[in-house]
Amino acid sequence: MPLYRSTAPSKSFFIFLAMVCLVSGVWAASAPADSSAPAILPKQFAGWQMDGAPQATPDAHVADPTNADLLKEYSFTDFEGATYKSDDGRTLKIRAARFSDATGAFGAYTFYLQPGMAPEEIGDQGSSAEADKRVLFYRGHLLVDAVFSQLSAMSAASLRELAGVLPRPAGNSGNLPPLLAYMPHHGYQTNTEKYAEGPLAAAAIGSPLPAALIDFGANPEVVLGQYSTSGGDATLMLVEYPTPALAAEHLRRIDAAHHATQPQAGVENVEDIGPFFDKRTGPIVAIAAGPLSQSAAQTLLGAVNYEASVTWNENTYFDKKNNVANLLVNVILLCIIVGAISLAAGVAFGGARVLLRRYFPGKVFGHADEEEFISLDLADPVGRSGTKASGNSPQP
C-alpha cells in the first residue's frame, strides 16, 4: 500500500474557519461606528456624578429640533446629554454639541446668546442667565448648555473644572476666524456679536443683506454686531471673501442693489433698513446700516481696516539664505571640510611617496644615493687663498 498524505482541508478546519468569521462579524457589529471620537462628557467632575448613561447621537434634531438645519450649517457632528447629581441632592442637566471646528461652536454660541445674559469666565467664552439657572459656554469645538436645579456660589467653579476636562480639537480646527479681530470695540453692545457661515444663520441673526447678495457660494465669513452711535443704534456687518478681487466684485453688486430705485432683473434688492453705508478694505466688505448719519457711519466704518499679515509656519533660523547666523555656520562647516580634505590629501601623498620609495627604489624617484634636494654651497672652498697666482698678477 503506497504511503501518502492528503492535502485536502479537513472538516474540522472548515468548522474552525466558520466560527472565526462568525465571532469577527459579531464583534464588528457591536463595535461603535466612530471609535476615534472620544466621549464628550465625563462620568464625574467637581463633586457631580453622572446619573445613568448619557444620551449620545449624531442626530441634530435631538440636540435642537427647531434649529437642526442651522446646527448642520455650523458643521454639527454629534450630541451628548446627561444628568448629574451632587451629594446635597441638586441636579445639573448638561447638553453638549460637538462641531467639526471651533468656528462652528462659536457661531452656534453667538446664535443662542441673549443680550440679557451676564458674561462668565468659563471655557473660551461663557454667559449665564440667573433667572433660568442656565449657563452657556463654548470650549474649543464644543458648545455646552448647563441648567442647574439651584445655583450656588460654586456653580461657575464646577463648570470651569468641567471645561478643563472636555476633549479638545486637533490642529488648526481650534482656531477662531481672524475676521472677528476687525470688529471695533468702541460703542459695541454686549452680547450682540453674531457669526454666520451660511444663509440660514445669516437670516436668523438679522443680516441687513439678503443671502443672495452675500453669496455664500463664494465661501465668505460673516460677523455682525450692534453699536451705539450719536444717531442711534446701528448694525455693523463684516463680510470677508477669499480674495480682494471677490470682495470688490460683491461690493459692486451690493451698491447696484442699494441704489436701484426699482427692482431689476437679476439684481437682489437690499432690504428696507434705512440709511446704508459700505466700504471695502482688502478682502472685507464692511456695511453700516440703521438710523445713523453719514459722519457717524464714516466713523464706524473707519474703525475697520484690514492689515495683511504673513505667518511663517516653519523655523527660519537656519534655513533662509539671507540669515547671517546660517551664513556663519556654513562658513565654519566649509573650513572644516576643506581642512579635512587637505589633511587627507597630505597623508595620502606622503604615504604613497614612502611606499613607492620602499618597494620601487631608484625606479620612480631615482637612485638611493642621489641627493634628494638641490642645494647651493655658497661657502669658500678650502685652500682658495693658497692658489697659484697668474703670471700677469702685479708683484707686491
Protein backbone atom coordinates (compact mmCIF):
# COMPACT_ATOMS: atom_id res chain seq x y z
CA MET A 1 0.00 0.00 0.00
CA PRO A 2 1.53 3.33 -1.04
CA LEU A 3 2.04 5.87 1.67
CA TYR A 4 0.74 9.40 1.03
CA ARG A 5 -0.66 12.40 2.94
CA SER A 6 -3.90 14.01 1.85
CA THR A 7 -3.63 17.76 1.11
CA ALA A 8 -7.41 18.42 1.15
CA PRO A 9 -8.66 20.58 4.09
CA SER A 10 -10.32 18.60 6.84
CA LYS A 11 -13.87 19.11 8.03
CA SER A 12 -12.69 20.46 11.38
CA PHE A 13 -10.74 23.18 9.58
CA PHE A 14 -13.88 24.47 7.87
CA ILE A 15 -15.75 24.45 11.19
CA PHE A 16 -12.98 26.46 12.84
CA LEU A 17 -12.94 28.97 9.96
CA ALA A 18 -16.71 29.45 10.17
CA MET A 19 -16.51 30.10 13.91
CA VAL A 20 -13.80 32.72 13.41
CA CYS A 21 -15.87 34.54 10.77
CA LEU A 22 -18.94 34.44 13.00
CA VAL A 23 -17.12 35.87 16.01
CA SER A 24 -15.48 38.57 13.86
CA GLY A 25 -18.85 39.60 12.42
CA VAL A 26 -20.47 39.82 15.86
CA TRP A 27 -17.57 41.93 17.19
CA ALA A 28 -17.67 44.26 14.21
CA ALA A 29 -21.44 44.72 14.59
CA SER A 30 -21.13 45.55 18.28
CA ALA A 31 -18.23 47.97 17.78
CA PRO A 32 -19.09 51.70 17.76
CA ALA A 33 -19.40 53.40 14.39
CA ASP A 34 -16.76 56.01 15.17
CA SER A 35 -14.38 54.84 17.86
CA SER A 36 -11.92 57.63 17.08
CA ALA A 37 -14.16 60.34 18.53
CA PRO A 38 -13.84 60.47 22.34
CA ALA A 39 -16.85 60.78 24.60
CA ILE A 40 -17.82 64.38 25.31
CA LEU A 41 -18.97 64.32 28.95
CA PRO A 42 -17.04 62.81 31.88
CA LYS A 43 -18.57 60.45 34.41
CA GLN A 44 -17.85 62.85 37.26
CA PHE A 45 -16.38 66.28 37.93
CA ALA A 46 -16.23 68.72 40.85
CA GLY A 47 -18.44 66.58 43.07
CA TRP A 48 -21.06 65.92 40.39
CA GLN A 49 -21.81 62.29 39.49
CA MET A 50 -23.47 61.25 36.23
CA ASP A 51 -26.91 59.75 36.86
CA GLY A 52 -27.36 56.83 34.47
CA ALA A 53 -25.97 56.56 30.95
CA PRO A 54 -25.52 59.62 28.72
CA GLN A 55 -27.62 60.18 25.61
CA ALA A 56 -25.30 60.24 22.59
CA THR A 57 -26.44 60.68 19.00
CA PRO A 58 -25.27 62.22 15.70
CA ASP A 59 -28.82 63.47 15.04
CA ALA A 60 -29.04 67.27 15.16
CA HIS A 61 -32.81 67.09 15.72
CA VAL A 62 -32.17 65.60 19.16
CA ALA A 63 -29.88 68.49 20.04
CA ASP A 64 -32.36 71.13 18.85
CA PRO A 65 -35.49 70.08 16.92
CA THR A 66 -36.26 73.67 15.89
CA ASN A 67 -32.80 74.67 14.62
CA ALA A 68 -31.40 71.34 13.47
CA ASP A 69 -30.64 72.57 9.94
CA LEU A 70 -28.90 75.64 11.30
CA LEU A 71 -26.69 73.46 13.52
CA LYS A 72 -25.76 71.40 10.46
CA GLU A 73 -24.82 74.63 8.71
CA TYR A 74 -22.39 75.26 11.57
CA SER A 75 -20.85 71.78 10.87
CA PHE A 76 -22.55 69.91 13.70
CA THR A 77 -21.18 66.36 14.20
CA ASP A 78 -22.76 64.83 17.30
CA PHE A 79 -24.59 65.49 20.57
CA GLU A 80 -24.34 64.18 24.11
CA GLY A 81 -26.62 64.90 27.06
CA ALA A 82 -26.57 63.75 30.67
CA THR A 83 -27.96 64.48 34.11
CA TYR A 84 -25.64 64.89 37.09
CA LYS A 85 -26.37 64.77 40.81
CA SER A 86 -24.47 66.18 43.77
CA ASP A 87 -24.27 64.90 47.33
CA ASP A 88 -26.66 67.61 48.56
CA GLY A 89 -29.40 66.47 46.15
CA ARG A 90 -29.04 69.15 43.49
CA THR A 91 -29.23 68.21 39.82
CA LEU A 92 -27.46 69.52 36.76
CA LYS A 93 -28.56 68.86 33.18
CA ILE A 94 -25.87 69.26 30.55
CA ARG A 95 -26.37 69.25 26.80
CA ALA A 96 -23.19 69.33 24.72
CA ALA A 97 -22.98 69.67 20.94
CA ARG A 98 -19.78 68.93 19.06
CA PHE A 99 -18.83 70.64 15.80
CA SER A 100 -16.08 69.99 13.29
CA ASP A 101 -14.12 73.03 14.45
CA ALA A 102 -14.14 75.92 16.93
CA THR A 103 -15.67 78.25 14.32
CA GLY A 104 -18.88 76.23 14.27
CA ALA A 105 -19.07 76.09 18.06
CA PHE A 106 -18.52 79.84 18.31
CA GLY A 107 -21.15 80.54 15.66
CA ALA A 108 -23.72 78.39 17.45
CA TYR A 109 -22.79 80.07 20.75
CA THR A 110 -23.46 83.52 19.30
CA PHE A 111 -26.78 82.29 17.87
CA TYR A 112 -28.06 81.11 21.29
CA LEU A 113 -26.53 84.04 23.19
CA GLN A 114 -29.09 86.54 24.52
CA PRO A 115 -28.37 90.22 25.26
CA GLY A 116 -29.54 89.90 28.87
CA MET A 117 -27.02 87.20 29.80
CA ALA A 118 -24.13 88.07 32.11
CA PRO A 119 -20.59 87.24 30.95
CA GLU A 120 -18.84 84.37 32.70
CA GLU A 121 -15.19 83.28 32.60
CA ILE A 122 -15.96 79.69 31.69
CA GLY A 123 -14.35 77.86 28.79
CA ASP A 124 -13.31 80.06 25.90
CA GLN A 125 -16.35 82.28 26.40
CA GLY A 126 -19.42 81.92 28.56
CA SER A 127 -22.53 83.66 29.85
CA SER A 128 -25.28 82.96 32.32
CA ALA A 129 -28.95 83.73 32.82
CA GLU A 130 -29.71 83.72 36.54
CA ALA A 131 -33.47 83.65 36.03
CA ASP A 132 -33.23 80.37 34.10
CA LYS A 133 -30.35 78.99 36.23
CA ARG A 134 -28.67 78.45 32.90
CA VAL A 135 -25.03 78.75 31.84
CA LEU A 136 -23.96 78.69 28.20
CA PHE A 137 -20.33 78.40 27.12
CA TYR A 138 -18.17 77.03 24.34
CA ARG A 139 -14.80 75.35 24.68
CA GLY A 140 -12.87 74.54 21.51
CA HIS A 141 -15.29 72.76 19.16
CA LEU A 142 -17.89 72.08 21.89
CA LEU A 143 -20.97 74.09 22.84
CA VAL A 144 -22.26 73.32 26.36
CA ASP A 145 -25.66 74.29 27.78
CA ALA A 146 -25.89 73.67 31.55
CA VAL A 147 -29.07 74.09 33.63
CA PHE A 148 -28.85 73.88 37.44
CA SER A 149 -31.75 72.97 39.65
CA GLN A 150 -30.34 75.52 42.09
CA LEU A 151 -27.48 77.96 41.64
CA SER A 152 -24.75 78.24 44.25
CA ALA A 153 -21.54 80.16 44.75
CA MET A 154 -19.58 77.20 43.33
CA SER A 155 -21.69 76.64 40.22
CA ALA A 156 -19.35 78.60 37.95
CA ALA A 157 -16.26 76.98 39.50
CA SER A 158 -17.62 73.48 38.88
CA LEU A 159 -18.29 74.31 35.23
CA ARG A 160 -14.76 75.66 34.88
CA GLU A 161 -13.50 72.29 36.05
CA LEU A 162 -15.79 70.61 33.52
CA ALA A 163 -14.44 72.81 30.73
CA GLY A 164 -10.92 71.76 31.64
CA VAL A 165 -11.60 68.04 31.09
CA LEU A 166 -13.60 68.34 27.87
CA PRO A 167 -11.92 66.96 24.71
CA ARG A 168 -10.05 69.48 22.61
CA PRO A 169 -9.91 69.79 18.79
CA ALA A 170 -6.73 68.89 16.95
CA GLY A 171 -4.53 71.25 14.95
CA ASN A 172 -5.91 74.42 13.43
CA SER A 173 -9.52 73.35 13.98
CA GLY A 174 -9.33 75.04 17.38
CA ASN A 175 -8.68 78.50 15.92
CA LEU A 176 -11.37 81.15 15.52
CA PRO A 177 -11.70 83.10 12.23
CA PRO A 178 -9.39 86.16 12.02
CA LEU A 179 -12.35 88.26 10.87
CA LEU A 180 -13.52 88.62 14.48
CA ALA A 181 -10.47 90.74 15.30
CA TYR A 182 -11.66 93.51 12.93
CA MET A 183 -14.85 94.24 14.87
CA PRO A 184 -14.42 97.61 16.66
CA HIS A 185 -14.75 97.76 20.43
CA HIS A 186 -15.92 101.35 20.81
CA GLY A 187 -19.70 101.55 21.07
CA TYR A 188 -20.19 97.78 20.95
CA GLN A 189 -23.32 96.49 22.71
CA THR A 190 -22.66 93.42 24.85
CA ASN A 191 -23.74 90.00 23.57
CA THR A 192 -24.79 91.26 20.13
CA GLU A 193 -21.93 89.75 18.12
CA LYS A 194 -23.19 87.08 15.71
CA TYR A 195 -21.33 84.83 13.30
CA ALA A 196 -22.73 83.10 10.22
CA GLU A 197 -21.39 80.52 7.76
CA GLY A 198 -24.50 80.06 5.63
CA PRO A 199 -27.82 81.55 4.52
CA LEU A 200 -29.86 80.08 7.39
CA ALA A 201 -27.65 81.64 10.03
CA ALA A 202 -27.48 84.94 8.13
CA ALA A 203 -31.26 85.18 8.11
CA ALA A 204 -31.51 84.11 11.77
CA ILE A 205 -29.05 86.72 13.08
CA GLY A 206 -30.74 89.63 11.28
CA SER A 207 -28.37 90.29 8.40
CA PRO A 208 -29.03 93.63 6.64
CA LEU A 209 -28.21 91.92 3.33
CA PRO A 210 -30.11 89.02 1.77
CA ALA A 211 -28.18 85.78 1.41
CA ALA A 212 -28.16 86.07 -2.40
CA LEU A 213 -26.14 89.30 -2.23
CA ILE A 214 -23.74 87.86 0.31
CA ASP A 215 -23.26 84.85 -2.00
CA PHE A 216 -22.29 82.03 0.34
CA GLY A 217 -21.23 80.05 -2.71
CA ALA A 218 -18.05 82.17 -2.67
CA ASN A 219 -17.23 80.87 0.85
CA PRO A 220 -17.44 84.16 2.75
CA GLU A 221 -17.44 84.60 6.52
CA VAL A 222 -19.96 86.94 8.11
CA VAL A 223 -19.91 88.63 11.51
CA LEU A 224 -22.14 91.45 12.74
CA GLY A 225 -22.82 93.37 15.92
CA GLN A 226 -24.91 96.20 17.30
CA TYR A 227 -23.27 99.56 18.06
CA SER A 228 -24.37 102.72 19.80
CA THR A 229 -23.80 105.87 17.73
CA SER A 230 -24.74 109.52 18.01
CA GLY A 231 -27.74 108.90 15.75
CA GLY A 232 -28.92 105.72 17.49
CA ASP A 233 -28.29 102.01 17.36
CA ALA A 234 -26.65 100.72 14.20
CA THR A 235 -25.67 97.36 12.75
CA LEU A 236 -22.10 96.80 11.61
CA MET A 237 -21.64 93.80 9.35
CA LEU A 238 -18.34 92.48 8.02
CA VAL A 239 -18.18 90.02 5.12
CA GLU A 240 -14.76 88.54 4.34
CA TYR A 241 -14.21 86.89 0.95
CA PRO A 242 -11.26 84.69 -0.02
CA THR A 243 -9.65 87.41 -2.18
CA PRO A 244 -9.83 91.22 -2.52
CA ALA A 245 -11.00 90.80 -6.12
CA LEU A 246 -14.06 88.83 -4.99
CA ALA A 247 -14.76 91.44 -2.34
CA ALA A 248 -14.63 94.25 -4.91
CA GLU A 249 -16.97 92.36 -7.24
CA HIS A 250 -19.53 91.74 -4.50
CA LEU A 251 -19.32 95.33 -3.31
CA ARG A 252 -20.31 96.48 -6.81
CA ARG A 253 -23.32 94.15 -6.69
CA ILE A 254 -24.33 95.46 -3.27
CA ASP A 255 -24.05 99.08 -4.41
CA ALA A 256 -26.07 98.34 -7.55
CA ALA A 257 -28.84 96.77 -5.46
CA HIS A 258 -28.76 99.61 -2.93
CA HIS A 259 -29.00 102.44 -5.44
CA ALA A 260 -31.59 100.77 -7.63
CA THR A 261 -34.85 102.74 -7.47
CA GLN A 262 -36.89 99.88 -8.91
CA PRO A 263 -36.43 96.12 -8.82
CA GLN A 264 -34.15 94.96 -11.63
CA ALA A 265 -33.94 91.55 -13.19
CA GLY A 266 -31.01 89.58 -11.82
CA VAL A 267 -30.28 92.13 -9.07
CA GLU A 268 -31.29 91.39 -5.48
CA ASN A 269 -32.68 94.40 -3.65
CA VAL A 270 -31.33 95.50 -0.30
CA GLU A 271 -33.92 95.27 2.45
CA ASP A 272 -35.59 98.43 3.71
CA ILE A 273 -33.31 99.12 6.66
CA GLY A 274 -32.94 102.90 6.44
CA PRO A 275 -29.57 104.55 5.80
CA PHE A 276 -27.00 102.20 4.36
CA PHE A 277 -23.22 102.76 4.02
CA ASP A 278 -20.48 100.42 2.89
CA LYS A 279 -16.80 100.22 2.01
CA ARG A 280 -14.14 97.66 1.13
CA THR A 281 -10.84 97.14 2.90
CA GLY A 282 -8.79 94.29 1.47
CA PRO A 283 -10.98 91.18 1.20
CA ILE A 284 -13.51 92.59 3.72
CA VAL A 285 -16.75 94.36 2.81
CA ALA A 286 -17.95 96.48 5.74
CA ILE A 287 -21.59 97.61 5.94
CA ALA A 288 -23.12 100.07 8.41
CA ALA A 289 -26.90 100.13 8.48
CA GLY A 290 -29.53 101.76 10.66
CA PRO A 291 -30.57 105.23 11.81
CA LEU A 292 -27.14 106.88 11.69
CA SER A 293 -25.77 109.97 9.98
CA GLN A 294 -23.13 109.92 7.30
CA SER A 295 -20.47 111.21 9.71
CA ALA A 296 -21.37 108.57 12.30
CA ALA A 297 -21.28 105.88 9.59
CA GLN A 298 -17.88 107.06 8.40
CA THR A 299 -16.56 106.94 11.96
CA LEU A 300 -17.88 103.42 12.45
CA LEU A 301 -16.60 102.17 9.09
CA GLY A 302 -13.28 103.95 9.58
CA ALA A 303 -12.56 101.71 12.56
CA VAL A 304 -12.45 98.69 10.22
CA ASN A 305 -9.09 98.48 8.46
CA TYR A 306 -7.66 95.30 7.02
CA GLU A 307 -3.98 94.62 7.66
CA ALA A 308 -2.37 91.78 5.78
CA SER A 309 -0.17 89.60 7.98
CA VAL A 310 2.28 86.89 6.98
CA THR A 311 2.80 83.97 9.31
CA TRP A 312 5.73 81.59 8.92
CA ASN A 313 4.79 78.05 9.93
CA GLU A 314 8.35 76.72 9.89
CA ASN A 315 11.58 77.56 11.72
CA THR A 316 13.52 80.27 9.86
CA TYR A 317 16.67 80.42 11.99
CA PHE A 318 18.84 78.12 9.88
CA ASP A 319 17.05 77.59 6.60
CA LYS A 320 16.98 81.01 4.93
CA LYS A 321 19.76 82.16 2.60
CA ASN A 322 19.73 85.73 3.89
CA ASN A 323 20.22 84.67 7.52
CA VAL A 324 23.57 85.82 9.00
CA ALA A 325 23.73 83.02 11.52
CA ASN A 326 23.19 80.48 8.75
CA LEU A 327 25.99 82.09 6.72
CA LEU A 328 28.45 81.82 9.63
CA VAL A 329 27.51 78.20 10.23
CA ASN A 330 28.08 77.40 6.55
CA VAL A 331 31.49 79.17 6.58
CA ILE A 332 32.61 77.15 9.60
CA LEU A 333 31.41 73.93 8.00
CA LEU A 334 33.24 74.80 4.77
CA CYS A 335 36.50 75.44 6.67
CA ILE A 336 36.19 72.10 8.46
CA ILE A 337 35.52 70.27 5.20
CA VAL A 338 38.43 71.95 3.34
CA GLY A 339 40.80 71.27 6.26
CA ALA A 340 39.77 67.64 6.39
CA ILE A 341 40.26 67.24 2.63
CA SER A 342 43.69 68.90 2.81
CA LEU A 343 44.80 66.70 5.70
CA ALA A 344 43.59 63.57 3.93
CA ALA A 345 45.35 64.59 0.69
CA GLY A 346 48.63 65.30 2.53
CA VAL A 347 48.59 61.98 4.35
CA ALA A 348 47.76 60.14 1.12
CA PHE A 349 50.50 61.87 -0.86
CA GLY A 350 53.17 61.38 1.82
CA GLY A 351 52.21 57.78 2.44
CA ALA A 352 52.26 56.98 -1.27
CA ARG A 353 55.72 58.50 -1.63
CA VAL A 354 57.10 56.47 1.26
CA LEU A 355 55.62 53.25 -0.08
CA LEU A 356 56.92 53.85 -3.62
CA ARG A 357 60.45 54.55 -2.37
CA ARG A 358 60.31 51.46 -0.21
CA TYR A 359 59.10 48.99 -2.82
CA PHE A 360 60.47 50.63 -6.01
CA PRO A 361 63.81 52.20 -5.06
CA GLY A 362 65.56 54.01 -7.91
CA LYS A 363 62.73 53.50 -10.40
CA VAL A 364 60.46 56.33 -9.55
CA PHE A 365 62.45 58.82 -7.52
CA GLY A 366 65.97 57.98 -8.82
CA HIS A 367 68.88 56.16 -7.07
CA ALA A 368 69.02 55.97 -3.36
CA ASP A 369 72.50 57.61 -3.26
CA GLU A 370 71.35 60.67 -5.19
CA GLU A 371 70.71 63.84 -3.35
CA GLU A 372 67.05 64.23 -2.73
CA PHE A 373 67.19 68.03 -2.71
CA ILE A 374 69.26 70.50 -4.75
CA SER A 375 71.43 72.72 -2.51
CA LEU A 376 73.75 75.64 -3.22
CA ASP A 377 77.14 75.57 -1.47
CA LEU A 378 77.96 79.24 -1.16
CA ALA A 379 80.88 78.82 1.32
CA ASP A 380 84.51 79.48 0.11
CA PRO A 381 86.37 76.26 -0.82
CA VAL A 382 89.21 75.24 1.50
CA GLY A 383 92.67 76.40 0.24
CA ARG A 384 91.27 79.05 -2.13
CA SER A 385 93.57 81.68 -0.64
CA GLY A 386 96.65 79.46 -1.40
CA THR A 387 96.02 79.01 -5.11
CA LYS A 388 98.77 79.76 -7.62
CA ALA A 389 98.73 83.33 -8.87
CA SER A 390 98.70 84.18 -12.53
CA GLY A 391 101.88 85.47 -14.24
CA ASN A 392 100.22 88.72 -15.09
CA SER A 393 99.45 89.43 -11.47
CA PRO A 394 101.13 92.53 -10.10
CA GLN A 395 104.04 91.93 -7.75
CA PRO A 396 103.82 93.36 -4.32
